[in-house]
């Protein structure tokens, strides 16, 4: 059995992804071209799978060519439609430019940009290295900006009036303890998106975000074993969300159902920002209840 076919430790396998229930009709994205970054695994793959099921022609990008090709093969089998892959990093503006050049050359446009690519790791703020901090900021904030600006410039140039951008950010309303770099970069993306929603409204471009909470996917493998259990107790529902929760929200924000929504962030977090404690790097002793005396 190939590694890509094995049941993952966290999140659904590819077979399950192709069968997850959805509230949307099969042809919702027929005739539309959707670009999904970071589509080789996790949430990005789930978004690509759902878009394919709903009739989209897909452009999928990410850093790992093999993972992208494996994903594309399954998307073609699932939908029978064209899928373009492009291995690159969003941290390099020249590579982002090359991605959009290739997509425009092949399809003439894209209709939807889903900024899913990003990265972070759990650590206490005093333990960050300069390299680790800059890598997260450069990917999550700068890389997302390069993608957004490239799409918008091309839409304006060709006179397109219905471009839609959605970025998978994080539920950062109360900050994210143990992930200060993520809180900073994702909050920056959310504020940027609100700004662009106003600036680009005259061009018919809508810009929205999703504030993801604890979503069970392969990303859970980035956390220490002893901290995994806490990810399922970060919210009043006392469970993690699943990748389809995010994928369906992306469809909502990029389809006609949200034609009057821009500059918004929908938190998919089970109410985490209202209630829960999120300690992906482990709870500091300062916050732990005192040991019970015997």
Protein backbone atom coordinates (compact mmCIF):
# COMPACT_ATOMS: atom_id res chain seq x y z
CA UNK A 1 0.00 0.00 0.00
CA UNK A 2 1.32 3.44 -0.93
CA UNK A 3 1.82 5.92 1.88
CA UNK A 4 -0.73 8.22 0.23
CA UNK A 5 -3.33 5.43 0.37
CA UNK A 6 -2.80 4.53 4.03
CA UNK A 7 -5.32 5.70 6.61
CA UNK A 8 -3.73 8.84 8.13
CA UNK A 9 -3.28 9.22 11.84
CA UNK A 10 -5.35 12.40 11.83
CA UNK A 11 -8.03 13.42 9.35
CA UNK A 12 -9.78 11.40 6.63
CA UNK A 13 -8.01 9.38 3.95
CA UNK A 14 -8.46 10.16 0.26
CA UNK A 15 -11.27 7.66 -0.20
CA UNK A 16 -13.18 9.19 2.69
CA UNK A 17 -12.55 12.70 1.36
CA UNK A 18 -14.26 11.82 -1.91
CA UNK A 19 -17.36 10.62 -0.05
CA UNK A 20 -17.86 13.17 2.73
CA UNK A 21 -21.41 14.55 2.74
CA UNK A 22 -21.95 18.04 1.37
CA UNK A 23 -24.92 20.38 1.26
CA UNK A 24 -23.96 21.73 -2.17
CA UNK A 25 -25.15 20.64 -5.62
CA UNK A 26 -22.77 18.79 -7.92
CA UNK A 27 -22.51 21.45 -10.66
CA UNK A 28 -22.12 24.53 -8.47
CA UNK A 29 -18.64 25.30 -9.85
CA UNK A 30 -19.11 24.04 -13.40
CA UNK A 31 -17.15 26.26 -15.77
CA UNK A 32 -15.15 27.83 -12.94
CA UNK A 33 -11.38 27.67 -12.39
CA UNK A 34 -10.30 27.46 -8.76
CA UNK A 35 -6.72 27.82 -7.50
CA UNK A 36 -6.01 26.16 -4.15
CA UNK A 37 -2.60 26.62 -2.52
CA UNK A 38 -1.18 24.03 -0.17
CA UNK A 39 -3.44 21.42 -1.77
CA UNK A 40 -1.15 18.42 -1.37
CA UNK A 41 -2.45 17.51 2.08
CA UNK A 42 -4.75 18.38 4.96
CA UNK A 43 -7.27 21.18 4.70
CA UNK A 44 -6.06 22.25 1.25
CA UNK A 45 -6.59 18.78 -0.16
CA UNK A 46 -10.09 18.64 1.35
CA UNK A 47 -10.96 21.97 -0.29
CA UNK A 48 -9.66 20.75 -3.65
CA UNK A 49 -11.62 17.48 -3.37
CA UNK A 50 -14.86 19.30 -2.60
CA UNK A 51 -14.34 21.83 -5.40
CA UNK A 52 -13.70 18.96 -7.84
CA UNK A 53 -16.90 17.24 -6.74
CA UNK A 54 -18.80 20.47 -7.39
CA UNK A 55 -17.55 20.77 -10.97
CA UNK A 56 -14.51 23.05 -10.73
CA UNK A 57 -11.46 22.97 -12.93
CA UNK A 58 -8.55 23.07 -10.52
CA UNK A 59 -5.11 24.57 -10.22
CA UNK A 60 -3.32 23.09 -7.21
CA UNK A 61 0.03 24.29 -5.92
CA UNK A 62 2.35 23.49 -3.06
CA UNK A 63 5.96 22.76 -2.25
CA UNK A 64 5.94 18.99 -2.82
CA UNK A 65 5.52 17.96 -6.45
CA UNK A 66 4.90 14.29 -5.66
CA UNK A 67 2.09 15.07 -3.22
CA UNK A 68 0.50 17.44 -5.73
CA UNK A 69 0.60 14.87 -8.53
CA UNK A 70 -0.89 12.22 -6.27
CA UNK A 71 -3.67 14.62 -5.31
CA UNK A 72 -4.25 15.61 -8.94
CA UNK A 73 -4.56 11.99 -10.07
CA UNK A 74 -7.29 11.41 -7.52
CA UNK A 75 -9.05 14.66 -8.42
CA UNK A 76 -9.11 13.71 -12.10
CA UNK A 77 -10.50 10.29 -11.27
CA UNK A 78 -13.08 11.88 -8.99
CA UNK A 79 -14.32 14.57 -11.36
CA UNK A 80 -13.12 13.68 -14.85
CA UNK A 81 -12.01 17.29 -15.21
CA UNK A 82 -8.71 18.99 -15.86
CA UNK A 83 -6.32 19.55 -12.96
CA UNK A 84 -3.14 21.60 -13.25
CA UNK A 85 -0.33 21.14 -10.73
CA UNK A 86 2.46 23.61 -10.04
CA UNK A 87 5.15 22.96 -7.43
CA UNK A 88 6.41 26.20 -5.86
CA UNK A 89 6.67 28.18 -2.65
CA UNK A 90 4.47 31.19 -1.98
CA UNK A 91 7.37 32.79 -0.06
CA UNK A 92 9.10 33.66 -3.35
CA UNK A 93 7.30 36.41 -5.31
CA UNK A 94 8.96 35.28 -8.55
CA UNK A 95 7.59 31.76 -8.09
CA UNK A 96 4.15 33.17 -7.33
CA UNK A 97 4.33 35.19 -10.55
CA UNK A 98 5.30 32.03 -12.41
CA UNK A 99 2.33 30.16 -10.96
CA UNK A 100 -0.14 32.78 -12.15
CA UNK A 101 1.56 33.05 -15.54
CA UNK A 102 1.12 29.29 -15.98
CA UNK A 103 -2.51 29.31 -14.83
CA UNK A 104 -3.42 32.20 -17.12
CA UNK A 105 -1.63 30.63 -20.06
CA UNK A 106 -3.51 27.37 -19.60
CA UNK A 107 -6.98 28.58 -18.61
CA UNK A 108 -7.08 32.28 -19.45
CA UNK A 109 -8.09 33.21 -15.90
CA UNK A 110 -9.01 31.86 -12.50
CA UNK A 111 -12.32 32.61 -10.80
CA UNK A 112 -11.50 31.77 -7.19
CA UNK A 113 -8.27 31.97 -5.20
CA UNK A 114 -8.10 29.91 -2.01
CA UNK A 115 -5.06 30.82 0.06
CA UNK A 116 -4.59 27.73 2.18
CA UNK A 117 -0.79 27.40 2.11
CA UNK A 118 0.84 28.34 5.38
CA UNK A 119 2.84 26.93 8.21
CA UNK A 120 3.51 27.16 11.92
CA UNK A 121 4.81 25.17 14.84
CA UNK A 122 3.97 25.12 18.52
CA UNK A 123 6.49 26.80 20.83
CA UNK A 124 6.54 29.28 23.66
CA UNK A 125 7.35 32.79 22.47
CA UNK A 126 10.63 33.10 24.37
CA UNK A 127 11.90 29.99 22.59
CA UNK A 128 11.44 31.27 19.01
CA UNK A 129 14.55 31.66 16.92
CA UNK A 130 14.78 34.52 14.45
CA UNK A 131 14.73 31.95 11.63
CA UNK A 132 11.59 30.24 12.93
CA UNK A 133 9.75 33.51 13.48
CA UNK A 134 10.64 34.90 10.06
CA UNK A 135 9.73 31.66 8.27
CA UNK A 136 6.18 31.74 9.64
CA UNK A 137 5.67 35.45 9.01
CA UNK A 138 7.13 35.18 5.51
CA UNK A 139 4.90 32.26 4.57
CA UNK A 140 1.62 33.18 6.22
CA UNK A 141 1.63 36.94 5.70
CA UNK A 142 3.98 37.81 2.85
CA UNK A 143 3.23 34.71 0.79
CA UNK A 144 -0.51 35.24 1.11
CA UNK A 145 -0.09 38.86 0.04
CA UNK A 146 1.90 37.88 -3.07
CA UNK A 147 -0.90 35.51 -4.08
CA UNK A 148 -3.66 38.06 -3.50
CA UNK A 149 -1.97 40.88 -5.36
CA UNK A 150 -1.13 38.69 -8.35
CA UNK A 151 -4.71 37.53 -8.71
CA UNK A 152 -6.18 41.01 -8.29
CA UNK A 153 -3.84 42.69 -10.77
CA UNK A 154 -4.71 40.15 -13.46
CA UNK A 155 -8.43 40.35 -12.81
CA UNK A 156 -8.35 44.13 -13.10
CA UNK A 157 -6.25 43.97 -16.26
CA UNK A 158 -8.72 41.62 -17.97
CA UNK A 159 -11.79 43.48 -16.67
CA UNK A 160 -13.09 40.59 -14.62
CA UNK A 161 -15.73 41.73 -12.12
CA UNK A 162 -16.41 38.70 -9.94
CA UNK A 163 -13.10 37.51 -8.53
CA UNK A 164 -13.22 35.95 -5.07
CA UNK A 165 -10.40 35.40 -2.58
CA UNK A 166 -10.62 33.37 0.61
CA UNK A 167 -7.71 32.88 2.98
CA UNK A 168 -7.54 30.15 5.59
CA UNK A 169 -6.30 32.09 8.58
CA UNK A 170 -6.83 31.22 12.26
CA UNK A 171 -9.26 32.10 15.04
CA UNK A 172 -7.03 34.73 16.63
CA UNK A 173 -9.59 36.97 18.32
CA UNK A 174 -8.01 36.25 21.73
CA UNK A 175 -4.50 35.54 20.47
CA UNK A 176 -2.99 32.05 20.31
CA UNK A 177 -0.85 31.10 23.27
CA UNK A 178 2.07 28.95 22.23
CA UNK A 179 1.78 30.20 18.65
CA UNK A 180 2.60 33.90 18.79
CA UNK A 181 4.06 33.87 15.27
CA UNK A 182 0.81 32.42 13.92
CA UNK A 183 -1.29 34.93 15.84
CA UNK A 184 0.76 37.81 14.43
CA UNK A 185 0.78 36.59 10.83
CA UNK A 186 -2.86 35.48 10.70
CA UNK A 187 -4.10 38.66 12.37
CA UNK A 188 -2.10 40.56 9.77
CA UNK A 189 -3.81 38.62 6.97
CA UNK A 190 -7.24 39.29 8.46
CA UNK A 191 -6.57 43.05 8.74
CA UNK A 192 -5.07 43.04 5.24
CA UNK A 193 -8.13 41.29 3.85
CA UNK A 194 -10.48 43.85 5.40
CA UNK A 195 -8.42 46.62 3.83
CA UNK A 196 -8.33 44.99 0.40
CA UNK A 197 -12.07 44.28 0.53
CA UNK A 198 -12.59 48.04 0.56
CA UNK A 199 -9.83 48.98 -1.89
CA UNK A 200 -10.78 46.32 -4.42
CA UNK A 201 -14.57 46.58 -4.15
CA UNK A 202 -14.62 48.88 -7.17
CA UNK A 203 -13.22 46.00 -9.21
CA UNK A 204 -15.86 43.52 -8.08
CA UNK A 205 -13.32 41.53 -6.03
CA UNK A 206 -14.51 40.02 -2.76
CA UNK A 207 -11.95 39.21 -0.05
CA UNK A 208 -12.79 37.08 2.99
CA UNK A 209 -11.10 34.86 5.58
CA UNK A 210 -11.78 31.75 7.59
CA UNK A 211 -10.55 31.71 11.18
CA UNK A 212 -9.78 28.03 11.70
CA UNK A 213 -9.69 26.62 15.21
CA UNK A 214 -8.61 23.09 16.09
CA UNK A 215 -9.30 21.24 12.82
CA UNK A 216 -8.32 17.57 12.79
CA UNK A 217 -5.99 17.00 9.86
CA UNK A 218 -2.44 15.89 9.22
CA UNK A 219 -1.42 19.23 10.76
CA UNK A 220 -2.05 17.66 14.17
CA UNK A 221 1.12 15.65 13.58
CA UNK A 222 3.09 18.86 14.14
CA UNK A 223 2.23 18.87 17.85
CA UNK A 224 3.75 16.84 20.64
CA UNK A 225 1.89 13.68 21.58
CA UNK A 226 1.22 14.89 25.12
CA UNK A 227 -0.47 18.05 23.82
CA UNK A 228 -2.71 16.44 21.20
CA UNK A 229 -5.51 15.63 23.64
CA UNK A 230 -5.88 19.28 24.53
CA UNK A 231 -6.66 20.16 20.92
CA UNK A 232 -9.97 18.30 21.26
CA UNK A 233 -10.98 20.35 24.32
CA UNK A 234 -10.42 23.89 23.13
CA UNK A 235 -14.09 24.82 22.75
CA UNK A 236 -17.53 24.36 24.35
CA UNK A 237 -18.27 21.54 21.89
CA UNK A 238 -15.25 19.71 23.37
CA UNK A 239 -14.15 18.25 20.05
CA UNK A 240 -12.07 19.16 17.05
CA UNK A 241 -13.58 20.22 13.75
CA UNK A 242 -12.95 18.32 10.54
CA UNK A 243 -11.53 19.38 7.20
CA UNK A 244 -14.96 19.32 5.55
CA UNK A 245 -16.13 22.01 7.98
CA UNK A 246 -13.54 24.33 6.46
CA UNK A 247 -14.05 23.17 2.88
CA UNK A 248 -17.79 23.82 2.99
CA UNK A 249 -17.20 27.28 4.46
CA UNK A 250 -14.85 28.04 1.56
CA UNK A 251 -17.58 27.05 -0.89
CA UNK A 252 -20.05 29.30 0.91
CA UNK A 253 -17.69 32.29 0.76
CA UNK A 254 -16.73 31.85 -2.90
CA UNK A 255 -20.10 30.95 -4.43
CA UNK A 256 -23.21 33.07 -5.15
CA UNK A 257 -24.46 32.30 -1.63
CA UNK A 258 -22.13 35.01 -0.31
CA UNK A 259 -22.34 37.54 -3.15
CA UNK A 260 -23.03 40.31 -0.60
CA UNK A 261 -20.23 39.38 1.81
CA UNK A 262 -16.74 40.87 1.76
CA UNK A 263 -14.13 41.78 4.35
CA UNK A 264 -15.45 39.20 6.80
CA UNK A 265 -13.87 36.39 8.81
CA UNK A 266 -15.93 33.32 9.64
CA UNK A 267 -14.53 31.46 12.63
CA UNK A 268 -14.75 27.68 12.22
CA UNK A 269 -13.69 26.91 15.78
CA UNK A 270 -16.55 25.36 17.74
CA UNK A 271 -16.75 28.53 19.82
CA UNK A 272 -13.08 28.45 20.87
CA UNK A 273 -12.69 32.24 20.89
CA UNK A 274 -15.64 32.49 23.26
CA UNK A 275 -14.58 29.92 25.78
CA UNK A 276 -11.64 27.59 25.40
CA UNK A 277 -8.00 27.46 26.31
CA UNK A 278 -5.65 26.59 23.47
CA UNK A 279 -2.24 25.28 24.55
CA UNK A 280 -0.61 23.61 21.53
CA UNK A 281 2.83 24.02 23.09
CA UNK A 282 1.64 22.70 26.44
CA UNK A 283 0.15 24.59 29.38
CA UNK A 284 2.80 26.47 31.43
CA UNK A 285 3.01 25.44 35.07
CA UNK A 286 1.84 28.93 36.06
CA UNK A 287 -1.66 28.12 34.78
CA UNK A 288 -1.96 24.55 36.04
CA UNK A 289 -4.13 23.96 39.10
CA UNK A 290 -2.18 23.21 42.26
CA UNK A 291 -1.66 19.58 43.10
CA UNK A 292 -4.21 18.20 45.54
CA UNK A 293 -2.71 17.63 48.95
CA UNK A 294 -3.14 14.17 50.44
